[in-house]
Amino acid sequence: MRWRISGDRYLGILLGMILVAGMLGGGCGKESVPKEPVKQHLNYLLPAVPSSPDPGNLRNEADFQLITSLFEGLVRLNPDGTLEKALAEDWQITDEGKKYVFTIREAHWSNGEKVTAFDFAAALKRNLDPQYNSPYAYLLYDIKNAEGYHRSLDNNYSGKKFGQEKVGIRAENEQTLVIELQKKEPAFLQKLVHPVFYPLPPQAFLASNNAFFSVSGLVGNGPFQLGREEAGERYELVKNKQYWGAEQIKLESMNWVLPGKVEDTWKMFQEKRLDLTSAIPFSFVRQGLQKGQLKSSPLLACYFYQFNVTQKPLHDQRVRQALSYSLNREELIKKHLQGGQKPVWGIIPEGISDSAPGTDFRQKGGKIVSDGDCKKARQLLAEAGYPEGVDFPELELLISENEGHRYFAEKIREEWQKQLGITVNVSPLPWPELLKRMSERTYDLALLGWSADYADPSVYLKPYITGSGNNDSGWVNSAYDEFMKEALSQEQEELRLKAFHQAEDLLMEELPVLPLYQYTKVYAAREGLKGLAVSPLGTGFDFKGTYVE
């Protein structure tokens, strides 16, 4: 999806690590008293105030964090980008890849009631309800007749419209969930990690369902459940003893503190009133990473500039390549960014699995972005008719109003001036206006970020297919379309990934986009906090395997 950039009083509970060193008895018969068990509790600062614990209506990172702790779907995403089974004990794919039959494992809601396939079917259909308006309903459009039902009240929708009963979702019995797709989608299993595919218990569908999505009424099926809430201050989460994998959960409780001033929350961490936070003063990030006091984990999110290739001089591939070759990404990032970001050497970042087990798509594809060769850049610019930048028209680079984006854009502007002798003016705009200018193609270059709703190369490559609603670059290439058609219809995973590599190679050769760096999540964790996982999708931490040593 496009860019997902996500009070003064706090109640801190000190992390208890009580060691008893007393000795009992006397003389030579003294024996050590066993150490008391470490208290399995942590205090965590949320990145924002959650807007809702409703899996179909999440809006920000804090919502994702809360919902993925309280609920669970058919599959889970590991930090390395691989899938593991969750509520789906097994599944079969038939009908040439268009029919999925899931077997739901023996599991229970936090109130002890059984989780069934009916709970999944009801929740998915509710998220498609045109009157519900789920912001992520589009992820369900792979399902047969799902878009036609969801947009059945949309006067601007020209496709065929359907009633709910025609949607390809049904529960055959308590353990069997059947989902039929409109057409084969090899990445469908990856999409299932998103909360819009999570189940809901029957209580959520009662007339008073607003009361369900509250601390006192919420019933979940995830590793944790809500204990209590202190309005404006914190949530308390406790281990869900009804969770099917409860024996794997070591944390007994967590306090999730709501955010305030960065300086205040950083002080709380230093005073050991917080055990985990990503709210870190900008001035400390570089030093903290260098000294190992902070940790950095890559996210499946790319920062790049997009060209409008429909107008001069950016219609010329050599000009676009010159702008890319003139940048030394590693040097720019190391010198001007503080968050442990790393260069991205294609449109697809690290963290997405390739066809062979344990392989990474980016690492296998290698460095395919033209970079760090100013001599080559000047040569290409001269071949395009602008030796040493002579007669090159001034360009405008649109960015958001974020100060960090402006700072980095200025540094890139200076580099282009220095290496190529060209002038680029940086224009900060409100995000809606920036997107409007891009959709109208009244721009030269513009800032974009792309984060993955699910871990698959298609997320980054689909926008540049001819006719895509997200292709504001104006770039069209029939060979690219063929590679993507092959990838999206291919049954064999090895051949599907091969076609994606071919498509990316072509995209990076013609460069309608200028990839710059991969986002990272920088955070501070108390020493002794183990098994903490960061979701590569940018949806926060996964505490399922976390414990205090």
Protein backbone atom coordinates (compact mmCIF):
# COMPACT_ATOMS: atom_id res chain seq x y z
CA MET A 1 0.00 0.00 0.00
CA ARG A 2 1.08 3.60 -0.35
CA TRP A 3 2.85 5.33 2.48
CA ARG A 4 1.83 4.26 5.95
CA ILE A 5 3.55 6.70 8.25
CA SER A 6 2.41 6.23 11.45
CA GLY A 7 -0.56 11.74 27.98
CA ASP A 8 1.88 13.34 30.11
CA ARG A 9 1.19 10.88 32.96
CA TYR A 10 2.29 7.27 32.97
CA LEU A 11 1.95 4.31 35.25
CA GLY A 12 5.22 2.39 35.19
CA ILE A 13 5.67 -1.02 36.69
CA LEU A 14 9.29 -1.93 37.31
CA LEU A 15 10.52 -5.08 35.68
CA GLY A 16 10.91 -7.53 38.57
CA MET A 17 14.04 -9.58 38.45
CA ILE A 18 14.30 -10.56 42.10
CA LEU A 19 17.31 -12.61 43.06
CA VAL A 20 17.39 -14.16 46.50
CA ALA A 21 20.93 -14.77 47.61
CA GLY A 22 20.31 -15.72 51.25
CA MET A 23 21.66 -18.91 52.69
CA LEU A 24 19.78 -21.20 55.05
CA GLY A 25 21.16 -23.42 57.76
CA GLY A 26 24.58 -23.23 59.35
CA GLY A 27 28.07 -24.68 59.31
CA CYS A 28 29.24 -26.86 56.49
CA GLY A 29 25.67 -27.88 55.65
CA LYS A 30 24.75 -24.53 54.04
CA GLU A 31 22.72 -24.77 50.83
CA SER A 32 21.75 -22.05 48.35
CA VAL A 33 18.10 -21.17 48.20
CA PRO A 34 16.88 -21.52 44.59
CA LYS A 35 16.38 -18.25 42.77
CA GLU A 36 12.82 -17.06 42.50
CA PRO A 37 11.44 -17.26 38.96
CA VAL A 38 11.90 -14.13 36.89
CA LYS A 39 8.67 -12.19 36.65
CA GLN A 40 7.44 -12.52 33.07
CA HIS A 41 6.23 -8.97 32.59
CA LEU A 42 7.23 -6.02 30.42
CA ASN A 43 6.30 -2.38 29.98
CA TYR A 44 5.97 -1.29 26.35
CA LEU A 45 5.36 2.12 24.82
CA LEU A 46 2.82 2.03 22.00
CA PRO A 47 3.74 4.07 18.88
CA ALA A 48 0.33 5.76 18.84
CA VAL A 49 -3.06 5.63 20.52
CA PRO A 50 -5.09 2.71 19.11
CA SER A 51 -8.27 3.79 17.38
CA SER A 52 -10.02 0.41 17.52
CA PRO A 53 -9.39 -3.25 18.39
CA ASP A 54 -11.60 -4.24 15.43
CA PRO A 55 -9.65 -6.42 12.92
CA GLY A 56 -11.77 -5.07 10.08
CA ASN A 57 -11.31 -1.41 10.94
CA LEU A 58 -7.68 -0.91 11.86
CA ARG A 59 -6.08 2.41 10.89
CA ASN A 60 -2.52 2.72 12.25
CA GLU A 61 0.46 0.77 13.58
CA ALA A 62 -0.91 0.80 17.11
CA ASP A 63 -4.14 -0.80 15.87
CA PHE A 64 -2.15 -3.53 14.12
CA GLN A 65 -0.06 -4.08 17.23
CA LEU A 66 -3.08 -4.44 19.49
CA ILE A 67 -5.17 -6.57 17.13
CA THR A 68 -2.36 -9.01 16.22
CA SER A 69 -1.79 -9.61 19.94
CA LEU A 70 -5.46 -10.17 20.77
CA PHE A 71 -6.53 -12.09 17.66
CA GLU A 72 -5.09 -14.67 15.30
CA GLY A 73 -5.92 -15.75 11.76
CA LEU A 74 -5.29 -18.79 9.62
CA VAL A 75 -1.53 -18.18 9.29
CA ARG A 76 1.20 -16.12 10.96
CA LEU A 77 4.18 -14.35 9.38
CA ASN A 78 7.62 -15.12 10.71
CA PRO A 79 10.24 -12.32 10.93
CA ASP A 80 12.13 -13.91 8.02
CA GLY A 81 9.08 -13.55 5.77
CA THR A 82 8.04 -17.21 5.83
CA LEU A 83 4.58 -18.41 6.82
CA GLU A 84 3.62 -20.70 9.65
CA LYS A 85 0.30 -22.33 10.36
CA ALA A 86 -1.88 -20.68 12.99
CA LEU A 87 -5.63 -21.42 13.22
CA ALA A 88 -5.33 -23.36 9.96
CA GLU A 89 -4.12 -26.80 10.92
CA ASP A 90 -3.86 -27.69 7.25
CA TRP A 91 -5.23 -26.75 3.83
CA GLN A 92 -5.71 -28.12 0.34
CA ILE A 93 -5.65 -26.10 -2.89
CA THR A 94 -7.74 -27.44 -5.76
CA ASP A 95 -9.59 -26.30 -8.89
CA GLU A 96 -6.37 -25.15 -10.58
CA GLY A 97 -5.44 -22.94 -7.63
CA LYS A 98 -8.85 -21.28 -7.24
CA LYS A 99 -10.26 -23.25 -4.29
CA TYR A 100 -8.79 -23.31 -0.77
CA VAL A 101 -10.13 -25.73 1.84
CA PHE A 102 -8.85 -24.94 5.34
CA THR A 103 -9.06 -27.30 8.29
CA ILE A 104 -9.48 -25.24 11.48
CA ARG A 105 -7.53 -26.57 14.43
CA GLU A 106 -9.05 -27.19 17.87
CA ALA A 107 -8.96 -23.71 19.40
CA HIS A 108 -11.00 -21.54 21.74
CA TRP A 109 -11.94 -17.94 22.26
CA SER A 110 -10.79 -16.30 25.48
CA ASN A 111 -14.24 -17.00 26.99
CA GLY A 112 -13.78 -20.74 26.40
CA GLU A 113 -16.08 -21.06 23.40
CA LYS A 114 -14.85 -22.96 20.36
CA VAL A 115 -13.37 -21.14 17.36
CA THR A 116 -15.10 -22.42 14.23
CA ALA A 117 -15.04 -22.01 10.48
CA PHE A 118 -18.34 -20.17 10.83
CA ASP A 119 -16.52 -17.46 12.80
CA PHE A 120 -14.16 -16.93 9.87
CA ALA A 121 -16.90 -16.91 7.24
CA ALA A 122 -19.03 -14.42 9.18
CA ALA A 123 -16.10 -12.05 9.80
CA LEU A 124 -14.89 -12.03 6.18
CA LYS A 125 -18.38 -11.37 4.83
CA ARG A 126 -18.90 -8.64 7.42
CA ASN A 127 -15.67 -6.94 6.26
CA LEU A 128 -17.02 -6.98 2.70
CA ASP A 129 -20.37 -5.52 3.69
CA PRO A 130 -20.72 -2.32 1.61
CA GLN A 131 -22.27 -0.54 4.58
CA TYR A 132 -19.42 -1.47 6.92
CA ASN A 133 -16.69 0.25 4.86
CA SER A 134 -13.62 -1.68 6.00
CA PRO A 135 -10.48 0.20 4.83
CA TYR A 136 -8.80 -3.08 3.83
CA ALA A 137 -11.72 -4.79 2.11
CA TYR A 138 -9.80 -4.63 -1.18
CA LEU A 139 -7.47 -7.36 0.09
CA LEU A 140 -10.47 -9.70 -0.08
CA TYR A 141 -11.14 -8.97 -3.75
CA ASP A 142 -9.32 -12.16 -4.83
CA ILE A 143 -12.35 -14.03 -3.49
CA LYS A 144 -15.07 -14.93 -5.97
CA ASN A 145 -17.63 -12.10 -6.37
CA ALA A 146 -16.15 -10.26 -3.35
CA GLU A 147 -15.58 -6.96 -5.14
CA GLY A 148 -19.01 -7.12 -6.78
CA TYR A 149 -20.61 -7.48 -3.36
CA HIS A 150 -18.45 -4.90 -1.59
CA ARG A 151 -19.10 -2.32 -4.31
CA SER A 152 -22.73 -3.20 -4.87
CA LEU A 153 -23.83 0.22 -3.58
CA ASP A 154 -21.14 2.10 -5.53
CA ASN A 155 -22.70 4.00 -8.44
CA ASN A 156 -19.25 4.41 -10.02
CA TYR A 157 -18.62 0.66 -10.15
CA SER A 158 -19.15 -0.69 -13.66
CA GLY A 159 -18.57 -4.36 -12.85
CA LYS A 160 -21.21 -6.95 -12.09
CA LYS A 161 -22.78 -6.61 -8.65
CA PHE A 162 -23.67 -9.48 -6.31
CA GLY A 163 -25.45 -10.22 -3.06
CA GLN A 164 -23.60 -11.63 -0.07
CA GLU A 165 -24.81 -15.16 -0.80
CA LYS A 166 -22.79 -15.19 -4.05
CA VAL A 167 -19.46 -14.48 -2.35
CA GLY A 168 -17.06 -17.46 -2.46
CA ILE A 169 -16.78 -17.93 1.30
CA ARG A 170 -18.53 -20.69 3.24
CA ALA A 171 -18.15 -22.90 6.29
CA GLU A 172 -19.05 -26.51 5.48
CA ASN A 173 -18.89 -27.43 9.16
CA GLU A 174 -17.15 -26.24 12.33
CA GLN A 175 -13.74 -27.33 11.10
CA THR A 176 -13.92 -26.73 7.35
CA LEU A 177 -13.63 -23.29 5.75
CA VAL A 178 -13.87 -23.05 1.95
CA ILE A 179 -12.71 -19.98 0.03
CA GLU A 180 -13.12 -19.83 -3.73
CA LEU A 181 -11.11 -17.29 -5.70
CA GLN A 182 -12.08 -15.31 -8.77
CA LYS A 183 -8.89 -16.54 -10.42
CA LYS A 184 -5.66 -18.10 -9.27
CA GLU A 185 -3.61 -15.89 -6.93
CA PRO A 186 -0.29 -17.48 -5.86
CA ALA A 187 0.16 -14.87 -3.11
CA PHE A 188 -3.23 -15.54 -1.51
CA LEU A 189 -1.79 -17.40 1.48
CA GLN A 190 0.56 -14.50 2.16
CA LYS A 191 -2.39 -12.11 2.27
CA LEU A 192 -4.02 -14.16 5.01
CA VAL A 193 -1.64 -12.70 7.60
CA HIS A 194 -3.63 -9.45 7.44
CA PRO A 195 -6.20 -8.88 10.23
CA VAL A 196 -8.98 -8.31 7.68
CA PHE A 197 -8.93 -12.14 7.33
CA TYR A 198 -9.23 -12.79 11.10
CA PRO A 199 -12.31 -14.47 12.64
CA LEU A 200 -14.75 -12.91 15.10
CA PRO A 201 -16.88 -14.65 17.72
CA PRO A 202 -20.70 -14.59 17.54
CA GLN A 203 -20.89 -11.81 20.16
CA ALA A 204 -19.32 -9.37 17.69
CA PHE A 205 -22.37 -9.57 15.43
CA LEU A 206 -25.02 -8.72 18.00
CA ALA A 207 -26.93 -5.46 17.76
CA SER A 208 -24.79 -4.07 20.57
CA ASN A 209 -21.52 -4.96 18.86
CA ASN A 210 -20.04 -1.55 19.69
CA ALA A 211 -19.88 -2.81 23.26
CA PHE A 212 -17.98 -5.88 22.03
CA PHE A 213 -15.06 -3.78 20.79
CA SER A 214 -14.27 -2.42 24.24
CA VAL A 215 -11.94 -3.54 27.01
CA SER A 216 -14.75 -5.01 29.07
CA GLY A 217 -16.49 -6.79 26.20
CA LEU A 218 -13.69 -7.97 23.90
CA VAL A 219 -13.31 -11.70 23.32
CA GLY A 220 -10.23 -12.71 21.32
CA ASN A 221 -8.38 -15.83 20.22
CA GLY A 222 -4.79 -14.55 20.22
CA PRO A 223 -1.84 -15.10 22.56
CA PHE A 224 -2.99 -12.30 24.88
CA GLN A 225 -6.21 -10.77 26.11
CA LEU A 226 -7.09 -7.38 27.54
CA GLY A 227 -7.01 -7.14 31.30
CA ARG A 228 -7.99 -3.57 31.97
CA GLU A 229 -7.54 -0.08 30.63
CA GLU A 230 -6.60 3.17 32.31
CA ALA A 231 -8.06 5.80 30.03
CA GLY A 232 -5.40 7.96 28.44
CA GLU A 233 -2.57 6.08 30.15
CA ARG A 234 -2.22 2.41 29.41
CA TYR A 235 -3.64 -0.99 28.49
CA GLU A 236 -2.95 -4.11 30.48
CA LEU A 237 -2.56 -7.32 28.49
CA VAL A 238 -2.40 -10.73 30.10
CA LYS A 239 -1.67 -14.19 28.79
CA ASN A 240 -4.70 -15.80 27.16
CA LYS A 241 -4.85 -19.19 28.83
CA GLN A 242 -7.45 -20.35 26.29
CA TYR A 243 -5.03 -19.78 23.39
CA TRP A 244 -4.36 -23.01 21.48
CA GLY A 245 -0.60 -22.49 21.84
CA ALA A 246 -0.69 -21.15 25.42
CA GLU A 247 2.20 -23.38 26.48
CA GLN A 248 4.44 -21.40 24.09
CA ILE A 249 3.57 -18.05 25.69
CA LYS A 250 5.97 -17.11 28.49
CA LEU A 251 4.94 -13.53 29.19
CA GLU A 252 2.26 -13.42 31.87
CA SER A 253 1.43 -9.74 31.55
CA MET A 254 2.30 -6.49 29.78
CA ASN A 255 1.56 -2.84 30.38
CA TRP A 256 1.20 -0.91 27.13
CA VAL A 257 1.78 2.76 27.87
CA LEU A 258 0.20 5.33 25.58
CA PRO A 259 2.60 7.79 23.92
CA GLY A 260 3.51 11.27 25.08
CA LYS A 261 6.53 13.47 24.47
CA VAL A 262 9.54 11.61 23.07
CA GLU A 263 11.84 13.17 25.67
CA ASP A 264 9.57 12.08 28.53
CA THR A 265 9.20 8.53 27.28
CA TRP A 266 12.93 8.21 26.66
CA LYS A 267 13.50 9.29 30.24
CA MET A 268 11.09 6.56 31.34
CA PHE A 269 13.21 3.99 29.50
CA GLN A 270 16.41 5.30 31.04
CA GLU A 271 14.80 5.10 34.47
CA LYS A 272 13.74 1.50 33.76
CA ARG A 273 10.05 2.32 33.84
CA LEU A 274 9.85 1.12 30.23
CA ASP A 275 11.35 -2.08 28.87
CA LEU A 276 10.67 -1.51 25.19
CA THR A 277 10.19 1.63 23.08
CA SER A 278 10.68 2.92 19.55
CA ALA A 279 10.21 6.56 20.64
CA ILE A 280 13.86 7.58 20.64
CA PRO A 281 15.27 11.12 20.43
CA PHE A 282 16.56 11.72 16.90
CA SER A 283 19.86 13.03 18.26
CA PHE A 284 20.58 9.71 19.99
CA VAL A 285 19.76 7.29 17.18
CA ARG A 286 23.11 7.20 15.38
CA GLN A 287 25.14 7.01 18.57
CA GLY A 288 22.81 4.41 20.06
CA LEU A 289 23.05 2.15 17.02
CA GLN A 290 26.84 2.48 16.84
CA LYS A 291 27.22 1.58 20.54
CA GLY A 292 24.73 -1.27 20.38
CA GLN A 293 22.33 0.47 22.75
CA LEU A 294 19.63 0.45 20.08
CA LYS A 295 18.47 -2.23 17.66
CA SER A 296 17.41 -1.91 14.05
CA SER A 297 15.21 -4.28 12.10
CA PRO A 298 14.47 -3.92 8.35
CA LEU A 299 10.88 -3.40 7.26
CA LEU A 300 9.25 -4.29 3.96
CA ALA A 301 8.93 -0.62 3.07
CA CYS A 302 10.77 1.30 0.34
CA TYR A 303 11.50 5.00 0.08
CA PHE A 304 11.81 6.17 -3.51
CA TYR A 305 11.23 9.00 -5.96
CA GLN A 306 9.00 8.49 -8.97
CA PHE A 307 9.54 10.09 -12.38
CA ASN A 308 6.88 11.47 -14.67
CA VAL A 309 8.17 9.84 -17.86
CA THR A 310 5.55 11.48 -20.09
CA GLN A 311 7.38 14.81 -20.31
CA LYS A 312 10.83 16.05 -21.23
CA PRO A 313 13.58 15.56 -20.21
CA LEU A 314 12.51 12.65 -18.00
CA HIS A 315 11.00 10.82 -20.94
CA ASP A 316 14.58 9.92 -21.85
CA GLN A 317 15.76 6.77 -20.08
CA ARG A 318 19.35 8.04 -20.14
CA VAL A 319 18.39 11.08 -18.07
CA ARG A 320 16.70 8.92 -15.46
CA GLN A 321 19.71 6.61 -15.35
CA ALA A 322 22.06 9.58 -15.00
CA LEU A 323 20.10 10.85 -11.99
CA SER A 324 20.42 7.41 -10.42
CA TYR A 325 24.10 6.79 -11.24
CA SER A 326 25.06 10.16 -9.74
CA LEU A 327 23.94 9.08 -6.26
CA ASN A 328 26.06 7.03 -3.89
CA ARG A 329 23.24 5.66 -1.76
CA GLU A 330 25.38 4.07 0.93
CA GLU A 331 27.30 7.29 1.46
CA LEU A 332 24.18 9.48 1.45
CA ILE A 333 22.39 7.27 3.95
CA LYS A 334 25.36 6.89 6.24
CA LYS A 335 26.04 10.61 6.24
CA HIS A 336 22.54 12.06 6.42
CA LEU A 337 20.16 9.49 7.93
CA GLN A 338 20.11 8.36 11.52
CA GLY A 339 17.82 5.33 11.69
CA GLY A 340 19.97 2.47 10.45
CA GLN A 341 18.34 2.62 7.01
CA LYS A 342 20.00 0.63 4.27
CA PRO A 343 20.16 1.17 0.50
CA VAL A 344 17.62 -0.76 -1.50
CA TRP A 345 19.13 -2.27 -4.63
CA GLY A 346 15.87 -2.85 -6.48
CA ILE A 347 12.23 -1.91 -6.05
CA ILE A 348 11.83 -4.97 -3.82
CA PRO A 349 13.52 -4.76 -0.39
CA GLU A 350 15.17 -7.51 1.63
CA GLY A 351 12.93 -9.74 3.70
CA ILE A 352 10.82 -11.48 1.06
CA SER A 353 11.42 -15.17 0.49
CA ASP A 354 12.50 -16.51 -2.88
CA SER A 355 11.56 -19.91 -4.29
CA ALA A 356 14.21 -21.97 -2.49
CA PRO A 357 13.86 -22.39 1.30
CA GLY A 358 15.97 -19.88 3.23
CA THR A 359 16.64 -17.63 0.23
CA ASP A 360 15.82 -13.93 -0.06
CA PHE A 361 14.40 -12.35 -3.22
CA ARG A 362 16.58 -9.23 -3.01
CA GLN A 363 19.76 -11.09 -2.21
CA LYS A 364 19.18 -13.50 -5.09
CA GLY A 365 18.35 -10.66 -7.47
CA GLY A 366 21.39 -8.70 -6.38
CA LYS A 367 22.19 -5.03 -6.88
CA ILE A 368 20.30 -3.90 -9.98
CA VAL A 369 19.95 -0.17 -9.28
CA SER A 370 22.40 2.08 -11.15
CA ASP A 371 24.41 3.73 -8.39
CA GLY A 372 27.62 5.52 -7.49
CA ASP A 373 29.20 6.11 -10.90
CA CYS A 374 29.35 9.86 -11.55
CA LYS A 375 31.46 9.43 -14.68
CA LYS A 376 28.80 7.17 -16.19
CA ALA A 377 26.10 9.61 -15.06
CA ARG A 378 27.73 12.57 -16.83
CA GLN A 379 28.28 10.47 -19.94
CA LEU A 380 24.60 9.49 -20.09
CA LEU A 381 23.47 13.08 -19.55
CA ALA A 382 25.73 14.24 -22.38
CA GLU A 383 24.38 11.51 -24.69
CA ALA A 384 20.88 12.78 -23.90
CA GLY A 385 21.94 16.25 -25.12
CA TYR A 386 22.87 17.97 -21.86
CA PRO A 387 26.70 17.95 -21.53
CA GLU A 388 27.66 19.10 -18.04
CA GLY A 389 24.02 20.02 -17.48
CA VAL A 390 23.98 22.75 -20.16
CA ASP A 391 20.42 23.62 -21.27
CA PHE A 392 18.97 21.12 -18.83
CA PRO A 393 15.59 22.50 -17.62
CA GLU A 394 14.92 23.06 -13.93
CA LEU A 395 13.06 20.19 -12.32
CA GLU A 396 10.64 20.17 -9.38
CA LEU A 397 10.78 17.44 -6.74
CA LEU A 398 7.56 17.09 -4.76
CA ILE A 399 7.89 15.80 -1.21
CA SER A 400 5.68 15.70 1.87
CA GLU A 401 5.97 18.33 4.57
CA ASN A 402 7.87 16.00 6.89
CA GLU A 403 11.09 17.73 7.97
CA GLY A 404 13.18 14.59 7.54
CA HIS A 405 11.98 14.13 3.96
CA ARG A 406 12.81 17.74 3.19
CA TYR A 407 16.29 17.42 4.68
CA PHE A 408 17.13 14.30 2.67
CA ALA A 409 15.68 15.77 -0.53
CA GLU A 410 17.90 18.84 -0.13
CA LYS A 411 20.96 16.62 0.17
CA ILE A 412 20.03 14.75 -3.00
CA ARG A 413 19.33 18.07 -4.77
CA GLU A 414 22.82 19.25 -3.78
CA GLU A 415 24.35 16.04 -5.11
CA TRP A 416 22.65 16.43 -8.48
CA GLN A 417 23.82 20.04 -8.68
CA LYS A 418 27.37 19.07 -7.79
CA GLN A 419 27.73 15.98 -9.97
CA LEU A 420 25.58 16.88 -12.99
CA GLY A 421 25.29 20.66 -12.94
CA ILE A 422 21.49 20.59 -12.95
CA THR A 423 18.94 22.45 -10.82
CA VAL A 424 16.19 20.66 -8.91
CA ASN A 425 13.79 22.64 -6.73
CA VAL A 426 12.32 20.89 -3.69
CA SER A 427 8.61 21.59 -3.08
CA PRO A 428 7.07 20.34 0.19
CA LEU A 429 3.31 19.75 -0.09
CA PRO A 430 0.53 18.38 2.11
CA TRP A 431 0.20 14.68 1.38
CA PRO A 432 -3.26 14.89 -0.31
CA GLU A 433 -2.04 17.65 -2.63
CA LEU A 434 1.10 15.69 -3.50
CA LEU A 435 -0.98 12.64 -4.45
CA LYS A 436 -3.34 14.84 -6.47
CA ARG A 437 -0.45 16.33 -8.47
CA MET A 438 0.87 12.84 -9.13
CA SER A 439 -2.49 11.46 -10.28
CA GLU A 440 -2.85 14.45 -12.63
CA ARG A 441 0.78 14.00 -13.78
CA THR A 442 1.53 17.67 -13.17
CA TYR A 443 4.92 16.90 -11.66
CA ASP A 444 8.51 16.02 -12.57
CA LEU A 445 9.64 13.89 -9.63
CA ALA A 446 7.73 13.00 -6.48
CA LEU A 447 8.38 11.22 -3.23
CA LEU A 448 6.65 7.92 -2.56
CA GLY A 449 6.87 5.19 0.02
CA TRP A 450 5.55 1.69 -0.45
CA SER A 451 4.99 -0.71 2.40
CA ALA A 452 3.78 -4.26 2.01
CA ASP A 453 0.36 -5.40 3.14
CA TYR A 454 1.72 -8.93 2.61
CA ALA A 455 5.17 -10.32 1.90
CA ASP A 456 5.26 -10.98 -1.83
CA PRO A 457 7.17 -9.37 -4.76
CA SER A 458 3.88 -8.66 -6.55
CA VAL A 459 3.09 -5.91 -4.01
CA TYR A 460 5.88 -3.73 -5.43
CA LEU A 461 5.61 -4.75 -9.09
CA LYS A 462 1.86 -4.69 -9.77
CA PRO A 463 1.62 -0.86 -9.66
CA TYR A 464 3.67 -0.58 -12.88
CA ILE A 465 1.51 -2.85 -15.02
CA THR A 466 -0.11 -0.92 -17.86
CA GLY A 467 -3.47 0.43 -16.72
CA SER A 468 -2.77 0.13 -12.99
CA GLY A 469 -4.51 2.81 -10.96
CA ASN A 470 -1.29 3.30 -8.97
CA ASN A 471 0.93 3.90 -12.01
CA ASP A 472 1.25 7.69 -11.91
CA SER A 473 4.61 7.56 -13.70
CA GLY A 474 3.09 7.15 -17.16
CA TRP A 475 5.57 4.35 -17.88
CA VAL A 476 4.31 1.61 -20.21
CA ASN A 477 6.22 -1.47 -21.31
CA SER A 478 4.61 -4.46 -23.00
CA ALA A 479 7.51 -6.79 -22.14
CA TYR A 480 7.08 -5.88 -18.46
CA ASP A 481 3.36 -6.62 -18.71
CA GLU A 482 4.14 -10.04 -20.18
CA PHE A 483 6.60 -10.89 -17.39
CA MET A 484 3.97 -9.90 -14.81
CA LYS A 485 1.25 -11.86 -16.60
CA GLU A 486 3.50 -14.91 -16.55
CA ALA A 487 4.32 -14.47 -12.85
CA LEU A 488 0.74 -13.90 -11.75
CA SER A 489 -0.56 -16.97 -13.60
CA GLN A 490 2.36 -19.33 -12.99
CA GLU A 491 1.67 -22.46 -10.90
CA GLN A 492 5.28 -23.37 -10.17
CA GLU A 493 6.80 -21.14 -7.51
CA GLU A 494 10.29 -21.25 -9.04
CA LEU A 495 8.99 -20.04 -12.41
CA ARG A 496 6.74 -17.43 -10.76
CA LEU A 497 9.70 -15.92 -8.90
CA LYS A 498 11.86 -16.09 -12.03
CA ALA A 499 9.29 -13.98 -13.91
CA PHE A 500 9.17 -11.49 -11.05
CA HIS A 501 12.97 -11.15 -11.22
CA GLN A 502 12.76 -10.53 -14.97
CA ALA A 503 10.10 -7.88 -14.44
CA GLU A 504 12.14 -6.14 -11.75
CA ASP A 505 15.29 -6.22 -13.88
CA LEU A 506 13.42 -4.47 -16.69
CA LEU A 507 11.85 -1.94 -14.31
CA MET A 508 15.24 -1.03 -12.87
CA GLU A 509 16.79 -0.78 -16.33
CA GLU A 510 14.22 1.74 -17.54
CA LEU A 511 13.84 3.41 -14.11
CA PRO A 512 10.42 5.04 -13.93
CA VAL A 513 11.20 5.00 -10.21
CA LEU A 514 14.34 5.86 -8.27
CA PRO A 515 14.72 3.52 -5.25
CA LEU A 516 16.70 5.05 -2.39
CA TYR A 517 16.49 3.12 0.85
CA GLN A 518 14.68 0.51 2.89
CA TYR A 519 12.92 1.54 6.05
CA THR A 520 13.96 0.12 9.40
CA LYS A 521 12.37 -0.04 12.82
CA VAL A 522 14.76 1.30 15.45
CA TYR A 523 13.98 0.48 19.05
CA ALA A 524 15.43 0.17 22.52
CA ALA A 525 14.89 -3.04 24.48
CA ARG A 526 15.82 -3.75 28.06
CA GLU A 527 18.69 -6.18 28.51
CA GLY A 528 17.30 -9.60 29.27
CA LEU A 529 14.31 -9.27 26.94
CA LYS A 530 14.55 -12.28 24.64
CA GLY A 531 12.58 -13.75 21.76
CA LEU A 532 11.23 -10.38 20.63
CA ALA A 533 10.23 -10.37 16.96
CA VAL A 534 9.60 -7.36 14.73
CA SER A 535 6.95 -7.74 12.05
CA PRO A 536 8.59 -7.02 8.66
CA LEU A 537 5.25 -5.55 7.56
CA GLY A 538 5.74 -2.61 9.90
CA THR A 539 2.90 -3.67 12.16
CA GLY A 540 4.91 -3.63 15.37
CA PHE A 541 6.27 -6.37 17.63
CA ASP A 542 5.22 -9.99 17.91
CA PHE A 543 5.34 -10.95 21.58
CA LYS A 544 4.35 -14.59 21.09
CA GLY A 545 7.87 -15.86 21.75
CA THR A 546 9.05 -13.04 24.04
CA TYR A 547 10.29 -13.70 27.57
CA VAL A 548 12.37 -12.09 30.31
CA GLU A 549 15.63 -13.84 31.08
